[in-house]
PDB file of N, CA and C in Angstrom:
ATOM      1  N   MET A   1    -100.811 -53.113 -47.012  1.00  0.00           N
ATOM      2  CA  MET A   1     -99.387 -51.982 -47.002  1.00  0.00           C
ATOM      3  C   MET A   1     -99.587 -51.036 -44.991  1.00  0.00           C
ATOM      4  N   ASN A   2     -98.453 -51.299 -44.632  1.00  0.00           N
ATOM      5  CA  ASN A   2     -98.831 -50.186 -43.181  1.00  0.00           C
ATOM      6  C   ASN A   2     -98.208 -49.024 -43.330  1.00  0.00           C
ATOM      7  N   GLN A   3     -98.896 -47.863 -42.647  1.00  0.00           N
ATOM      8  CA  GLN A   3     -99.286 -47.117 -42.787  1.00  0.00           C
ATOM      9  C   GLN A   3     -97.562 -46.051 -42.826  1.00  0.00           C
ATOM     10  N   SER A   4     -96.104 -46.590 -42.312  1.00  0.00           N
ATOM     11  CA  SER A   4     -95.371 -46.031 -42.696  1.00  0.00           C
ATOM     12  C   SER A   4     -94.036 -46.670 -43.938  1.00  0.00           C
ATOM     13  N   THR A   5     -94.716 -47.858 -44.146  1.00  0.00           N
ATOM     14  CA  THR A   5     -94.542 -48.017 -45.476  1.00  0.00           C
ATOM     15  C   THR A   5     -95.281 -47.237 -46.979  1.00  0.00           C
ATOM     16  N   THR A   6     -96.854 -46.940 -46.518  1.00  0.00           N
ATOM     17  CA  THR A   6     -97.330 -45.659 -47.555  1.00  0.00           C
ATOM     18  C   THR A   6     -96.582 -44.519 -47.834  1.00  0.00           C
ATOM     19  N   ARG A   7     -96.105 -43.781 -45.715  1.00  0.00           N
ATOM     20  CA  ARG A   7     -95.621 -42.791 -46.202  1.00  0.00           C
ATOM     21  C   ARG A   7     -94.572 -42.710 -46.766  1.00  0.00           C
ATOM     22  N   MET A   8     -93.576 -43.968 -46.469  1.00  0.00           N
ATOM     23  CA  MET A   8     -92.235 -43.861 -47.304  1.00  0.00           C
ATOM     24  C   MET A   8     -92.411 -43.812 -48.991  1.00  0.00           C
ATOM     25  N   LEU A   9     -93.333 -44.479 -49.380  1.00  0.00           N
ATOM     26  CA  LEU A   9     -93.431 -44.475 -51.029  1.00  0.00           C
ATOM     27  C   LEU A   9     -94.403 -43.345 -51.185  1.00  0.00           C
ATOM     28  N   SER A  10     -94.852 -42.395 -51.037  1.00  0.00           N
ATOM     29  CA  SER A  10     -95.236 -41.171 -51.140  1.00  0.00           C
ATOM     30  C   SER A  10     -94.135 -40.430 -51.059  1.00  0.00           C
ATOM     31  N   ARG A  11     -93.218 -40.251 -49.750  1.00  0.00           N
ATOM     32  CA  ARG A  11     -92.263 -39.498 -49.829  1.00  0.00           C
ATOM     33  C   ARG A  11     -90.746 -39.821 -50.922  1.00  0.00           C
ATOM     34  N   ALA A  12     -90.872 -40.782 -51.527  1.00  0.00           N
ATOM     35  CA  ALA A  12     -90.042 -41.214 -52.669  1.00  0.00           C
ATOM     36  C   ALA A  12     -90.926 -40.721 -53.968  1.00  0.00           C
ATOM     37  N   LYS A  13     -91.658 -40.681 -53.636  1.00  0.00           N
ATOM     38  CA  LYS A  13     -92.200 -40.555 -55.154  1.00  0.00           C
ATOM     39  C   LYS A  13     -92.239 -39.124 -55.021  1.00  0.00           C
ATOM     40  N   ALA A  14     -91.904 -38.085 -53.929  1.00  0.00           N
ATOM     41  CA  ALA A  14     -92.205 -36.855 -54.043  1.00  0.00           C
ATOM     42  C   ALA A  14     -91.139 -36.020 -54.627  1.00  0.00           C
ATOM     43  N   VAL A  15     -90.009 -36.894 -54.063  1.00  0.00           N
ATOM     44  CA  VAL A  15     -88.457 -36.755 -54.323  1.00  0.00           C
ATOM     45  C   VAL A  15     -87.989 -36.830 -55.404  1.00  0.00           C
ATOM     46  N   TYR A  16     -88.490 -38.333 -56.120  1.00  0.00           N
ATOM     47  CA  TYR A  16     -88.551 -38.252 -57.776  1.00  0.00           C
ATOM     48  C   TYR A  16     -88.699 -36.956 -58.505  1.00  0.00           C
ATOM     49  N   LEU A  17     -89.889 -36.251 -57.981  1.00  0.00           N
ATOM     50  CA  LEU A  17     -90.880 -35.540 -58.919  1.00  0.00           C
ATOM     51  C   LEU A  17     -89.997 -34.211 -58.571  1.00  0.00           C
ATOM     52  N   PHE A  18     -89.120 -33.792 -56.961  1.00  0.00           N
ATOM     53  CA  PHE A  18     -88.479 -33.223 -56.943  1.00  0.00           C
ATOM     54  C   PHE A  18     -86.932 -33.250 -58.130  1.00  0.00           C
ATOM     55  N   ILE A  19     -86.670 -33.718 -57.566  1.00  0.00           N
ATOM     56  CA  ILE A  19     -85.590 -34.357 -58.547  1.00  0.00           C
ATOM     57  C   ILE A  19     -85.788 -34.238 -60.548  1.00  0.00           C
ATOM     58  N   ARG A  20     -86.730 -34.625 -60.595  1.00  0.00           N
ATOM     59  CA  ARG A  20     -86.986 -34.196 -62.088  1.00  0.00           C
ATOM     60  C   ARG A  20     -87.302 -32.747 -62.427  1.00  0.00           C
ATOM     61  N   GLU A  21     -88.104 -32.177 -61.434  1.00  0.00           N
ATOM     62  CA  GLU A  21     -88.107 -30.822 -61.810  1.00  0.00           C
ATOM     63  C   GLU A  21     -86.811 -29.720 -61.592  1.00  0.00           C
ATOM     64  N   ASN A  22     -86.122 -29.949 -60.849  1.00  0.00           N
ATOM     65  CA  ASN A  22     -85.211 -29.317 -60.338  1.00  0.00           C
ATOM     66  C   ASN A  22     -83.372 -29.949 -60.711  1.00  0.00           C
ATOM     67  N   GLY A  23     -83.541 -31.168 -60.894  1.00  0.00           N
ATOM     68  CA  GLY A  23     -82.312 -32.113 -60.866  1.00  0.00           C
ATOM     69  C   GLY A  23     -81.091 -31.545 -61.827  1.00  0.00           C
ATOM     70  N   PRO A  24     -80.035 -31.630 -61.778  1.00  0.00           N
ATOM     71  CA  PRO A  24     -79.289 -32.711 -60.575  1.00  0.00           C
ATOM     72  C   PRO A  24     -79.376 -31.695 -59.348  1.00  0.00           C
ATOM     73  N   VAL A  25     -80.166 -32.481 -58.460  1.00  0.00           N
ATOM     74  CA  VAL A  25     -79.918 -31.693 -57.162  1.00  0.00           C
ATOM     75  C   VAL A  25     -78.923 -32.465 -56.053  1.00  0.00           C
ATOM     76  N   THR A  26     -78.657 -32.400 -54.932  1.00  0.00           N
ATOM     77  CA  THR A  26     -77.732 -33.217 -53.666  1.00  0.00           C
ATOM     78  C   THR A  26     -78.837 -33.223 -52.850  1.00  0.00           C
ATOM     79  N   THR A  27     -77.958 -34.313 -52.187  1.00  0.00           N
ATOM     80  CA  THR A  27     -79.277 -34.836 -51.171  1.00  0.00           C
ATOM     81  C   THR A  27     -79.285 -33.951 -49.926  1.00  0.00           C
ATOM     82  N   SER A  28     -78.727 -32.480 -49.670  1.00  0.00           N
ATOM     83  CA  SER A  28     -78.759 -31.866 -48.494  1.00  0.00           C
ATOM     84  C   SER A  28     -79.546 -30.618 -49.395  1.00  0.00           C
ATOM     85  N   GLN A  29     -80.008 -30.702 -50.481  1.00  0.00           N
ATOM     86  CA  GLN A  29     -80.831 -29.905 -51.098  1.00  0.00           C
ATOM     87  C   GLN A  29     -81.871 -30.510 -50.893  1.00  0.00           C
ATOM     88  N   ILE A  30     -82.280 -31.819 -51.176  1.00  0.00           N
ATOM     89  CA  ILE A  30     -83.907 -32.615 -51.199  1.00  0.00           C
ATOM     90  C   ILE A  30     -83.980 -32.500 -49.764  1.00  0.00           C
ATOM     91  N   ALA A  31     -83.097 -32.929 -48.412  1.00  0.00           N
ATOM     92  CA  ALA A  31     -82.944 -32.696 -47.218  1.00  0.00           C
ATOM     93  C   ALA A  31     -83.903 -31.354 -46.992  1.00  0.00           C
ATOM     94  N   GLU A  32     -83.408 -30.811 -47.218  1.00  0.00           N
ATOM     95  CA  GLU A  32     -83.832 -28.879 -46.891  1.00  0.00           C
ATOM     96  C   GLU A  32     -85.332 -29.094 -48.069  1.00  0.00           C
ATOM     97  N   GLU A  33     -85.403 -29.233 -48.656  1.00  0.00           N
ATOM     98  CA  GLU A  33     -86.567 -28.897 -49.149  1.00  0.00           C
ATOM     99  C   GLU A  33     -87.623 -29.894 -48.713  1.00  0.00           C
ATOM    100  N   PHE A  34     -87.566 -31.021 -48.316  1.00  0.00           N
ATOM    101  CA  PHE A  34     -88.921 -32.121 -47.784  1.00  0.00           C
ATOM    102  C   PHE A  34     -88.674 -32.154 -45.900  1.00  0.00           C
ATOM    103  N   GLY A  35     -87.372 -31.273 -45.363  1.00  0.00           N
ATOM    104  CA  GLY A  35     -87.113 -31.186 -44.045  1.00  0.00           C
ATOM    105  C   GLY A  35     -87.226 -32.481 -43.354  1.00  0.00           C
ATOM    106  N   ILE A  36     -86.111 -33.401 -43.817  1.00  0.00           N
ATOM    107  CA  ILE A  36     -85.762 -35.144 -43.825  1.00  0.00           C
ATOM    108  C   ILE A  36     -84.253 -34.484 -43.808  1.00  0.00           C
ATOM    109  N   THR A  37     -84.263 -35.942 -42.502  1.00  0.00           N
ATOM    110  CA  THR A  37     -82.529 -35.967 -42.980  1.00  0.00           C
ATOM    111  C   THR A  37     -81.727 -36.656 -44.140  1.00  0.00           C
ATOM    112  N   ASP A  38     -80.527 -36.098 -44.054  1.00  0.00           N
ATOM    113  CA  ASP A  38     -79.814 -36.714 -45.177  1.00  0.00           C
ATOM    114  C   ASP A  38     -80.150 -38.277 -44.990  1.00  0.00           C
ATOM    115  N   ARG A  39     -79.884 -39.087 -44.124  1.00  0.00           N
ATOM    116  CA  ARG A  39     -80.085 -40.531 -43.871  1.00  0.00           C
ATOM    117  C   ARG A  39     -81.074 -40.571 -44.654  1.00  0.00           C
ATOM    118  N   THR A  40     -82.362 -40.175 -44.138  1.00  0.00           N
ATOM    119  CA  THR A  40     -83.357 -40.567 -44.579  1.00  0.00           C
ATOM    120  C   THR A  40     -83.697 -40.138 -45.959  1.00  0.00           C
ATOM    121  N   VAL A  41     -83.167 -38.862 -46.667  1.00  0.00           N
ATOM    122  CA  VAL A  41     -82.972 -38.675 -48.310  1.00  0.00           C
ATOM    123  C   VAL A  41     -82.096 -39.869 -48.703  1.00  0.00           C
ATOM    124  N   GLN A  42     -81.024 -40.546 -48.311  1.00  0.00           N
ATOM    125  CA  GLN A  42     -80.067 -41.720 -49.248  1.00  0.00           C
ATOM    126  C   GLN A  42     -80.749 -42.690 -48.843  1.00  0.00           C
ATOM    127  N   ARG A  43     -82.243 -43.212 -47.806  1.00  0.00           N
ATOM    128  CA  ARG A  43     -82.939 -44.362 -48.212  1.00  0.00           C
ATOM    129  C   ARG A  43     -84.185 -44.417 -49.271  1.00  0.00           C
ATOM    130  N   ASP A  44     -84.107 -42.768 -49.521  1.00  0.00           N
ATOM    131  CA  ASP A  44     -85.060 -42.841 -50.535  1.00  0.00           C
ATOM    132  C   ASP A  44     -84.418 -42.844 -51.509  1.00  0.00           C
ATOM    133  N   LEU A  45     -83.776 -42.088 -51.987  1.00  0.00           N
ATOM    134  CA  LEU A  45     -82.547 -42.510 -53.224  1.00  0.00           C
ATOM    135  C   LEU A  45     -82.058 -43.668 -53.656  1.00  0.00           C
ATOM    136  N   HIS A  46     -81.825 -44.406 -52.840  1.00  0.00           N
ATOM    137  CA  HIS A  46     -81.563 -45.760 -52.954  1.00  0.00           C
ATOM    138  C   HIS A  46     -82.440 -46.752 -53.108  1.00  0.00           C
ATOM    139  N   LEU A  47     -83.739 -46.269 -53.090  1.00  0.00           N
ATOM    140  CA  LEU A  47     -84.933 -47.160 -53.200  1.00  0.00           C
ATOM    141  C   LEU A  47     -84.964 -46.531 -54.455  1.00  0.00           C
ATOM    142  N   LEU A  48     -85.157 -45.486 -55.108  1.00  0.00           N
ATOM    143  CA  LEU A  48     -85.466 -44.802 -56.253  1.00  0.00           C
ATOM    144  C   LEU A  48     -84.366 -45.267 -57.353  1.00  0.00           C
ATOM    145  N   ALA A  49     -82.574 -45.228 -56.709  1.00  0.00           N
ATOM    146  CA  ALA A  49     -81.889 -45.981 -57.686  1.00  0.00           C
ATOM    147  C   ALA A  49     -82.195 -47.365 -58.124  1.00  0.00           C
ATOM    148  N   TYR A  50     -82.543 -48.449 -56.942  1.00  0.00           N
ATOM    149  CA  TYR A  50     -82.249 -49.456 -56.790  1.00  0.00           C
ATOM    150  C   TYR A  50     -83.577 -49.997 -58.478  1.00  0.00           C
ATOM    151  N   ASN A  51     -84.565 -49.164 -58.248  1.00  0.00           N
ATOM    152  CA  ASN A  51     -85.267 -49.357 -59.680  1.00  0.00           C
ATOM    153  C   ASN A  51     -85.407 -48.304 -60.712  1.00  0.00           C
ATOM    154  N   GLY A  52     -83.770 -48.453 -60.926  1.00  0.00           N
ATOM    155  CA  GLY A  52     -83.503 -47.306 -62.467  1.00  0.00           C
ATOM    156  C   GLY A  52     -84.199 -46.368 -62.379  1.00  0.00           C
ATOM    157  N   LEU A  53     -84.750 -45.596 -61.321  1.00  0.00           N
ATOM    158  CA  LEU A  53     -85.275 -44.411 -61.769  1.00  0.00           C
ATOM    159  C   LEU A  53     -84.820 -42.863 -61.287  1.00  0.00           C
ATOM    160  N   VAL A  54     -82.995 -43.267 -60.899  1.00  0.00           N
ATOM    161  CA  VAL A  54     -82.275 -42.325 -60.325  1.00  0.00           C
ATOM    162  C   VAL A  54     -81.097 -42.435 -60.595  1.00  0.00           C
ATOM    163  N   ASN A  55     -79.547 -41.468 -60.767  1.00  0.00           N
ATOM    164  CA  ASN A  55     -78.817 -41.811 -60.492  1.00  0.00           C
ATOM    165  C   ASN A  55     -78.017 -40.975 -60.234  1.00  0.00           C
ATOM    166  N   SER A  56     -76.923 -41.105 -60.099  1.00  0.00           N
ATOM    167  CA  SER A  56     -75.828 -40.265 -59.164  1.00  0.00           C
ATOM    168  C   SER A  56     -74.392 -39.808 -60.579  1.00  0.00           C
ATOM    169  N   PRO A  57     -74.357 -39.629 -61.845  1.00  0.00           N
ATOM    170  CA  PRO A  57     -73.281 -39.888 -62.702  1.00  0.00           C
ATOM    171  C   PRO A  57     -72.004 -38.840 -61.729  1.00  0.00           C
ATOM    172  N   ASN A  58     -72.393 -37.741 -61.469  1.00  0.00           N
ATOM    173  CA  ASN A  58     -71.696 -36.405 -60.626  1.00  0.00           C
ATOM    174  C   ASN A  58     -71.615 -37.035 -58.914  1.00  0.00           C
ATOM    175  N   ARG A  59     -70.688 -37.481 -58.336  1.00  0.00           N
ATOM    176  CA  ARG A  59     -70.814 -37.549 -56.920  1.00  0.00           C
ATOM    177  C   ARG A  59     -71.528 -36.669 -55.903  1.00  0.00           C
ATOM    178  N   GLY A  60     -72.677 -37.645 -55.636  1.00  0.00           N
ATOM    179  CA  GLY A  60     -73.393 -36.469 -54.597  1.00  0.00           C
ATOM    180  C   GLY A  60     -74.795 -35.527 -55.374  1.00  0.00           C
ATOM    181  N   ARG A  61     -75.108 -35.958 -57.122  1.00  0.00           N
ATOM    182  CA  ARG A  61     -75.745 -34.847 -57.263  1.00  0.00           C
ATOM    183  C   ARG A  61     -76.645 -35.822 -58.558  1.00  0.00           C
ATOM    184  N   TRP A  62     -77.948 -35.762 -57.884  1.00  0.00           N
ATOM    185  CA  TRP A  62     -78.517 -36.928 -58.341  1.00  0.00           C
ATOM    186  C   TRP A  62     -79.592 -36.452 -59.437  1.00  0.00           C
ATOM    187  N   LYS A  63     -80.030 -37.300 -60.438  1.00  0.00           N
ATOM    188  CA  LYS A  63     -81.197 -36.586 -61.232  1.00  0.00           C
ATOM    189  C   LYS A  63     -81.812 -37.754 -61.785  1.00  0.00           C
ATOM    190  N   ILE A  64     -82.799 -37.975 -62.639  1.00  0.00           N
ATOM    191  CA  ILE A  64     -83.606 -38.924 -63.181  1.00  0.00           C
ATOM    192  C   ILE A  64     -82.659 -39.572 -64.678  1.00  0.00           C
ATOM    193  N   THR A  65     -83.388 -40.906 -64.172  1.00  0.00           N
ATOM    194  CA  THR A  65     -83.011 -41.441 -65.738  1.00  0.00           C
ATOM    195  C   THR A  65     -83.813 -41.090 -66.648  1.00  0.00           C
ATOM    196  N   LYS A  66     -83.414 -42.351 -67.830  1.00  0.00           N
ATOM    197  CA  LYS A  66     -84.574 -42.048 -68.824  1.00  0.00           C
ATOM    198  C   LYS A  66     -85.534 -43.070 -69.019  1.00  0.00           C
ATOM    199  N   LYS A  67     -85.543 -44.058 -67.653  1.00  0.00           N
ATOM    200  CA  LYS A  67     -86.783 -44.899 -67.678  1.00  0.00           C
ATOM    201  C   LYS A  67     -87.766 -44.480 -67.482  1.00  0.00           C
ATOM    202  N   LYS A  68     -89.098 -45.275 -68.350  1.00  0.00           N
ATOM    203  CA  LYS A  68     -90.164 -44.320 -68.263  1.00  0.00           C
ATOM    204  C   LYS A  68     -90.778 -44.949 -66.998  1.00  0.00           C
ATOM    205  N   VAL A  69     -91.666 -44.031 -66.507  1.00  0.00           N
ATOM    206  CA  VAL A  69     -92.278 -43.830 -65.441  1.00  0.00           C
ATOM    207  C   VAL A  69     -93.552 -43.560 -65.485  1.00  0.00           C
ATOM    208  N   LYS A  70     -94.616 -44.170 -65.075  1.00  0.00           N
ATOM    209  CA  LYS A  70     -96.295 -43.447 -64.572  1.00  0.00           C
ATOM    210  C   LYS A  70     -96.530 -43.170 -63.874  1.00  0.00           C
ATOM    211  N   ILE A  71     -96.482 -41.769 -63.318  1.00  0.00           N
ATOM    212  CA  ILE A  71     -96.941 -40.947 -61.965  1.00  0.00           C
ATOM    213  C   ILE A  71     -98.661 -40.971 -61.801  1.00  0.00           C
ATOM    214  N   SER A  72     -98.725 -41.793 -60.774  1.00  0.00           N
ATOM    215  CA  SER A  72    -100.298 -42.110 -60.494  1.00  0.00           C
ATOM    216  C   SER A  72    -100.710 -41.417 -58.794  1.00  0.00           C
TER     217      SER A  72
END
């Protein structure tokens, strides 16, 4: 895995954990917490949503799903 992929996956994991502890949260709250752009947050959320780990039942507010996940 290249360095940018590793960095992106580490950030997505951190975003997931942030949502799990603080959710539901907005894209802007995540961007502020991690010091990244809203667009970067959207890419991370898309990855997490594609894998069934988060969803946005209330437009723009993200929470984790009930899908079991092992954090390593």
